[in-house]
Amino acid sequence: MPAIAQSQHRSPHHEAYQGLWIPLVTPFNKQEAVDHGALQRLVARLRGAGVRGFVACGSTGEAALLEPQEQDAVLDTVYAAAGALPVMVGVSGPRPGPVAARMQELAKRFPVHAFLLPPPSYIRPSQQGLLNFFLQIADQAPAPLALYDVPSRTGVKIELQTLLQLAEHPRIQALKDCGGQLQATQTLINDGRLAVLAGDDHAIFPTLALGGAGAIAASAHLLTPAFVQLVAALAEERTETARRLWLVLTRLIGLCFAETNPAPVKALLARLDGLHNELRAPLHPASPELEQRLWEAYRQAEAQLAV
C-alpha cells in the first residue's frame, strides 16, 4: 500500500505541540475546595514521567465549575509545579469580547503556551457563526489558540471546511480533535497548517499514526510512562512497540470514559496518588462497580508492562 502523502508545508508550530499533554484534574478536599497540595504533587509526579506539557482549567479539570479566582489559584499552583514545561490554559464563553478579555487578563499573569478554546456551549451557532467567533477572538488573543472540537460537550461540530479556513489565521495554531471523523483528521494533518492533537484517548493510535503532532489524554494520568513511550514510538514510526503498548492500555482507556470524565480517573488517582475522590456537584464520583473494574484493569496493565 502506498504511503499517504503529507503536506510539504507543515507549519513550524507543529513542534510546539508535539508529544503527550496531560489535561489536569483539579483535586478537591472533602469540602469541595481546591486541594492545592495534591495538585502540586500530581503535577510534580507527571512532570517527572516525561510528559510534554499540561492543560490546566480544561473540561477534565472541571473548569466550568470553578470560579474565576479559583481558576487563577489553580494556575498559580500548576505553573509553580510545572517548572520549565509549557502549560495550555482552557478558556471558554459565549461571547468573543469577554473571552478575549479573559485571555488578556490571564496572559498578564502567566506565560501561556496556548489557549485551548472550544465553541460556545449550548448556543449551537452556524458554521459562519463559529468562524466569526474564533476569528474575532484570534484577532485579540495575546497568545496562540488551540481550538477544541468537542461536539459531545458543546453541541456543535467545527466542520472540516471551517477548520481549514481558520487555519489561515496566524494565531490559530493547533486543534484538540474530538470530532470523531478520522478522514477529516487525516485531511487536516495532510494540510499541515494546524498541529493536530488527539483529544479522544481512544484515537491516540490512529491520529499519531497518520502524522498527528501529539495527544491530550486524560487517561494518561495513569501509567504515564507507558503513554509517554506510546506517543514517542508512534512519532518515531516504531510501529510494533507502539502496537504492543496500545494493546496493553486499550482496556484501561475505555474504562476511563465509561462514566463521565473525570470521575473514573479521579477514582483511580484516589487510590494511587492520595487525592480525595471528590468532584464538584453536579458531577458525581464513579460507581463502585466501575471503580473495581478500573482497578483490575490498571493492575493487569501494570503487570503486562512489567514483563
Protein backbone atom coordinates (compact mmCIF):
# COMPACT_ATOMS: atom_id res chain seq x y z
CA MET A 1 0.00 0.00 0.00
CA PRO A 2 1.49 3.40 -0.95
CA ALA A 3 2.27 5.83 1.85
CA ILE A 4 -0.26 8.60 2.44
CA ALA A 5 1.08 11.85 1.02
CA GLN A 6 1.56 14.53 3.63
CA SER A 7 1.93 18.26 3.17
CA GLN A 8 5.39 19.53 2.36
CA HIS A 9 4.37 22.78 4.06
CA ARG A 10 3.88 21.59 7.63
CA SER A 11 3.62 24.55 9.95
CA PRO A 12 6.60 25.29 12.20
CA HIS A 13 4.04 25.42 15.00
CA HIS A 14 3.82 21.62 14.82
CA GLU A 15 6.85 21.12 17.07
CA ALA A 16 5.40 23.39 19.76
CA TYR A 17 2.56 20.90 20.33
CA GLN A 18 4.30 17.55 19.88
CA GLY A 19 4.12 14.81 22.45
CA LEU A 20 1.88 13.87 25.36
CA TRP A 21 -0.05 16.60 27.19
CA ILE A 22 -1.96 15.93 30.39
CA PRO A 23 -5.32 17.72 30.84
CA LEU A 24 -5.06 18.05 34.58
CA VAL A 25 -7.77 17.07 37.00
CA THR A 26 -8.49 19.55 39.77
CA PRO A 27 -8.22 17.82 43.15
CA PHE A 28 -10.73 18.86 45.81
CA ASN A 29 -10.82 18.25 49.53
CA LYS A 30 -13.85 16.95 51.42
CA GLN A 31 -15.33 20.46 51.47
CA GLU A 32 -15.03 20.71 47.65
CA ALA A 33 -12.31 23.37 47.92
CA VAL A 34 -9.32 23.03 45.60
CA ASP A 35 -6.62 20.88 47.20
CA HIS A 36 -3.53 22.77 46.10
CA GLY A 37 -1.12 20.44 47.86
CA ALA A 38 -2.50 17.42 45.99
CA LEU A 39 -2.41 19.36 42.72
CA GLN A 40 1.22 20.33 43.26
CA ARG A 41 2.22 16.73 43.98
CA LEU A 42 0.30 15.45 40.94
CA VAL A 43 1.97 17.92 38.56
CA ALA A 44 5.40 17.12 40.01
CA ARG A 45 4.83 13.38 39.55
CA LEU A 46 3.65 13.79 35.96
CA ARG A 47 6.49 16.18 35.14
CA GLY A 48 8.96 13.52 36.27
CA ALA A 49 7.32 10.94 34.00
CA GLY A 50 8.41 12.74 30.83
CA VAL A 51 5.21 14.42 29.62
CA ARG A 52 5.48 17.26 27.10
CA GLY A 53 3.26 19.68 28.99
CA PHE A 54 -0.03 20.32 30.72
CA VAL A 55 -3.51 21.63 30.01
CA ALA A 56 -4.98 23.45 33.00
CA CYS A 57 -8.58 24.56 33.51
CA GLY A 58 -9.97 22.32 30.79
CA SER A 59 -13.03 20.07 30.90
CA THR A 60 -11.08 17.34 32.76
CA GLY A 61 -10.23 20.00 35.35
CA GLU A 62 -13.93 20.77 35.95
CA ALA A 63 -13.16 24.36 34.95
CA ALA A 64 -16.81 25.20 34.25
CA LEU A 65 -17.48 24.57 37.96
CA LEU A 66 -14.62 26.79 39.19
CA GLU A 67 -14.98 30.48 39.90
CA PRO A 68 -12.51 32.73 38.03
CA GLN A 69 -10.49 33.34 41.20
CA GLU A 70 -10.31 29.57 41.76
CA GLN A 71 -9.06 29.09 38.21
CA ASP A 72 -6.38 31.72 38.83
CA ALA A 73 -5.30 29.94 42.00
CA VAL A 74 -5.16 26.60 40.15
CA LEU A 75 -2.95 28.21 37.51
CA ASP A 76 -0.66 29.63 40.20
CA THR A 77 -0.12 26.12 41.56
CA VAL A 78 0.25 24.45 38.17
CA TYR A 79 2.79 26.94 36.85
CA ALA A 80 4.80 26.77 40.08
CA ALA A 81 4.92 22.96 39.89
CA ALA A 82 5.38 22.60 36.12
CA GLY A 83 8.87 24.09 36.08
CA ALA A 84 10.03 24.58 32.51
CA LEU A 85 7.21 22.55 30.97
CA PRO A 86 4.65 24.51 28.91
CA VAL A 87 1.06 24.94 30.02
CA MET A 88 -2.00 25.41 27.83
CA VAL A 89 -4.92 27.16 29.52
CA GLY A 90 -8.57 26.40 28.85
CA VAL A 91 -10.84 29.41 28.31
CA SER A 92 -14.46 29.36 27.17
CA GLY A 93 -17.54 31.53 26.99
CA PRO A 94 -20.47 32.50 24.78
CA ARG A 95 -19.27 35.91 23.51
CA PRO A 96 -15.98 36.77 21.80
CA GLY A 97 -15.31 40.04 23.65
CA PRO A 98 -15.37 38.69 27.22
CA VAL A 99 -13.44 35.55 26.17
CA ALA A 100 -10.68 37.66 24.62
CA ALA A 101 -10.64 39.93 27.68
CA ARG A 102 -10.21 36.91 29.96
CA MET A 103 -7.30 35.73 27.81
CA GLN A 104 -5.63 39.12 28.03
CA GLU A 105 -6.04 39.11 31.81
CA LEU A 106 -4.52 35.64 32.14
CA ALA A 107 -1.63 36.39 29.78
CA LYS A 108 -0.56 39.26 32.03
CA ARG A 109 -0.13 36.83 34.93
CA PHE A 110 1.05 33.62 33.28
CA PRO A 111 3.35 32.56 30.40
CA VAL A 112 0.53 30.92 28.44
CA HIS A 113 1.79 28.47 25.80
CA ALA A 114 -1.63 28.49 24.10
CA PHE A 115 -5.26 28.96 24.99
CA LEU A 116 -7.46 25.91 24.48
CA LEU A 117 -10.71 27.31 23.07
CA PRO A 118 -13.93 25.38 22.34
CA PRO A 119 -17.04 26.65 20.58
CA PRO A 120 -19.58 28.30 22.87
CA SER A 121 -21.66 25.64 24.61
CA TYR A 122 -25.47 25.40 24.42
CA ILE A 123 -25.81 28.10 21.72
CA ARG A 124 -25.06 25.88 18.70
CA PRO A 125 -24.02 28.61 16.22
CA SER A 126 -23.85 28.01 12.48
CA GLN A 127 -20.51 27.39 10.82
CA GLN A 128 -20.37 31.06 9.82
CA GLY A 129 -21.11 31.95 13.43
CA LEU A 130 -18.28 29.71 14.59
CA LEU A 131 -15.93 31.23 12.03
CA ASN A 132 -16.75 34.74 13.25
CA PHE A 133 -16.45 33.68 16.90
CA PHE A 134 -12.98 32.18 16.55
CA LEU A 135 -11.61 34.86 14.23
CA GLN A 136 -12.76 37.72 16.48
CA ILE A 137 -11.04 36.10 19.44
CA ALA A 138 -7.91 35.26 17.44
CA ASP A 139 -7.57 38.88 16.35
CA GLN A 140 -7.36 39.92 20.02
CA ALA A 141 -5.66 36.88 21.56
CA PRO A 142 -2.39 37.58 23.41
CA ALA A 143 -1.15 34.00 22.86
CA PRO A 144 -1.74 31.29 20.24
CA LEU A 145 -5.01 29.39 20.09
CA ALA A 146 -5.53 25.63 20.09
CA LEU A 147 -9.12 25.07 19.00
CA TYR A 148 -11.09 22.36 20.79
CA ASP A 149 -13.57 20.49 18.61
CA VAL A 150 -15.70 18.59 21.11
CA PRO A 151 -19.32 18.33 19.89
CA SER A 152 -20.29 15.94 22.69
CA ARG A 153 -19.84 18.81 25.16
CA THR A 154 -20.67 21.90 23.10
CA GLY A 155 -23.50 20.60 20.90
CA VAL A 156 -21.87 21.82 17.69
CA LYS A 157 -19.09 20.46 15.47
CA ILE A 158 -16.42 22.61 13.83
CA GLU A 159 -16.68 21.24 10.31
CA LEU A 160 -13.63 20.49 8.20
CA GLN A 161 -14.04 23.42 5.81
CA THR A 162 -14.40 25.80 8.76
CA LEU A 163 -11.21 24.46 10.31
CA LEU A 164 -9.34 24.85 7.02
CA GLN A 165 -10.47 28.49 6.85
CA LEU A 166 -9.47 29.10 10.46
CA ALA A 167 -6.04 27.60 9.81
CA GLU A 168 -5.25 30.68 7.71
CA HIS A 169 -5.14 32.86 10.85
CA PRO A 170 -1.57 33.06 12.25
CA ARG A 171 -2.80 32.95 15.86
CA ILE A 172 -4.73 29.68 15.32
CA GLN A 173 -2.05 27.03 15.50
CA ALA A 174 -3.46 23.74 16.80
CA LEU A 175 -6.54 21.58 17.20
CA LYS A 176 -7.58 19.28 20.02
CA ASP A 177 -9.51 16.85 17.88
CA CYS A 178 -12.54 15.18 19.47
CA GLY A 179 -14.57 15.34 16.28
CA GLY A 180 -14.70 11.61 15.72
CA GLN A 181 -14.15 11.76 11.96
CA LEU A 182 -10.84 10.11 11.06
CA GLN A 183 -11.00 11.14 7.40
CA ALA A 184 -11.28 14.79 8.41
CA THR A 185 -8.43 14.30 10.88
CA GLN A 186 -6.28 12.88 8.09
CA THR A 187 -7.14 15.82 5.81
CA LEU A 188 -6.12 18.34 8.48
CA ILE A 189 -2.86 16.52 9.16
CA ASN A 190 -2.06 16.37 5.46
CA ASP A 191 -2.92 20.06 5.07
CA GLY A 192 -0.15 20.75 7.57
CA ARG A 193 -1.14 24.16 8.90
CA LEU A 194 -2.66 23.05 12.21
CA ALA A 195 -0.90 20.86 14.73
CA VAL A 196 -3.48 18.13 15.27
CA LEU A 197 -3.64 16.57 18.74
CA ALA A 198 -5.72 13.52 19.55
CA GLY A 199 -8.31 14.66 22.06
CA ASP A 200 -10.27 11.41 22.32
CA ASP A 201 -7.97 8.98 24.11
CA HIS A 202 -9.18 6.04 22.03
CA ALA A 203 -7.97 7.91 18.92
CA ILE A 204 -4.35 8.35 20.04
CA PHE A 205 -3.03 5.47 17.95
CA PRO A 206 -4.72 6.31 14.61
CA THR A 207 -4.20 10.06 14.94
CA LEU A 208 -0.47 9.82 15.63
CA ALA A 209 0.00 7.01 13.11
CA LEU A 210 -1.41 9.39 10.48
CA GLY A 211 1.11 12.06 11.48
CA GLY A 212 -0.66 13.95 14.26
CA ALA A 213 1.50 16.13 16.48
CA GLY A 214 0.55 14.59 19.81
CA ALA A 215 -2.22 13.85 22.26
CA ILE A 216 -4.10 15.48 25.13
CA ALA A 217 -5.09 12.41 27.13
CA ALA A 218 -6.89 12.32 30.48
CA SER A 219 -6.28 8.59 30.92
CA ALA A 220 -2.53 9.31 30.82
CA HIS A 221 -2.75 10.47 34.43
CA LEU A 222 -2.40 6.70 34.95
CA LEU A 223 0.59 4.60 33.87
CA THR A 224 2.02 7.83 32.49
CA PRO A 225 5.45 6.46 31.42
CA ALA A 226 3.72 3.91 29.17
CA PHE A 227 1.70 6.66 27.48
CA VAL A 228 4.87 8.71 27.02
CA GLN A 229 6.54 5.69 25.40
CA LEU A 230 3.49 5.07 23.19
CA VAL A 231 3.42 8.63 21.83
CA ALA A 232 7.19 8.60 21.25
CA ALA A 233 7.04 5.24 19.46
CA LEU A 234 4.30 6.48 17.14
CA ALA A 235 6.21 9.69 16.39
CA GLU A 236 9.30 7.65 15.55
CA GLU A 237 7.32 5.09 13.49
CA ARG A 238 8.30 2.21 15.78
CA THR A 239 5.02 0.52 14.97
CA GLU A 240 5.47 -2.80 16.75
CA THR A 241 6.46 -1.14 20.02
CA ALA A 242 3.54 1.26 19.74
CA ARG A 243 1.13 -1.56 18.94
CA ARG A 244 2.27 -3.60 21.95
CA LEU A 245 1.80 -0.66 24.30
CA TRP A 246 -1.55 0.25 22.76
CA LEU A 247 -2.95 -3.24 23.25
CA VAL A 248 -1.93 -3.15 26.91
CA LEU A 249 -3.51 0.27 27.54
CA THR A 250 -6.72 -0.05 25.49
CA ARG A 251 -8.92 -1.64 28.16
CA LEU A 252 -7.93 0.91 30.79
CA ILE A 253 -8.51 3.78 28.35
CA GLY A 254 -12.02 2.54 27.59
CA LEU A 255 -12.95 2.25 31.25
CA CYS A 256 -11.66 5.77 31.96
CA PHE A 257 -14.59 7.04 29.87
CA ALA A 258 -17.25 4.51 30.85
CA GLU A 259 -18.71 7.23 33.08
CA THR A 260 -18.38 11.00 32.81
CA ASN A 261 -14.79 12.25 32.76
CA PRO A 262 -13.01 12.93 35.12
CA ALA A 263 -14.85 10.69 37.61
CA PRO A 264 -13.15 7.39 36.60
CA VAL A 265 -9.65 8.92 36.51
CA LYS A 266 -10.16 10.58 39.88
CA ALA A 267 -11.31 7.28 41.39
CA LEU A 268 -8.01 5.63 40.49
CA LEU A 269 -5.93 8.66 41.42
CA ALA A 270 -7.52 8.49 44.87
CA ARG A 271 -6.04 5.00 45.25
CA LEU A 272 -2.69 5.76 43.65
CA ASP A 273 -1.82 9.38 44.44
CA GLY A 274 -3.75 10.05 47.62
CA LEU A 275 -6.21 12.52 46.09
CA HIS A 276 -9.64 12.69 47.63
CA ASN A 277 -12.20 11.07 45.35
CA GLU A 278 -14.19 14.29 45.19
CA LEU A 279 -15.86 16.04 42.25
CA ARG A 280 -17.77 19.29 42.31
CA ALA A 281 -21.54 18.93 42.00
CA PRO A 282 -23.40 18.18 39.82
CA LEU A 283 -20.59 15.77 38.84
CA HIS A 284 -20.55 12.59 40.89
CA PRO A 285 -17.82 10.06 41.72
CA ALA A 286 -17.54 6.88 39.69
CA SER A 287 -19.75 3.98 40.70
CA PRO A 288 -18.19 1.34 42.98
CA GLU A 289 -18.63 -1.26 40.22
CA LEU A 290 -16.65 0.83 37.71
CA GLU A 291 -14.02 1.67 40.30
CA GLN A 292 -13.38 -2.03 40.86
CA ARG A 293 -13.17 -2.73 37.13
CA LEU A 294 -10.77 0.19 36.73
CA TRP A 295 -8.55 -1.11 39.50
CA GLU A 296 -8.45 -4.60 37.95
CA ALA A 297 -7.64 -3.16 34.50
CA TYR A 298 -4.93 -0.97 35.98
CA ARG A 299 -3.28 -3.86 37.82
CA GLN A 300 -3.49 -6.07 34.72
CA ALA A 301 -1.89 -3.40 32.52
CA GLU A 302 0.76 -2.70 35.15
CA ALA A 303 1.67 -6.41 35.23
CA GLN A 304 1.84 -6.65 31.43
CA LEU A 305 4.07 -3.61 31.20
CA ALA A 306 6.45 -5.08 33.74
CA VAL A 307 7.07 -8.18 31.58
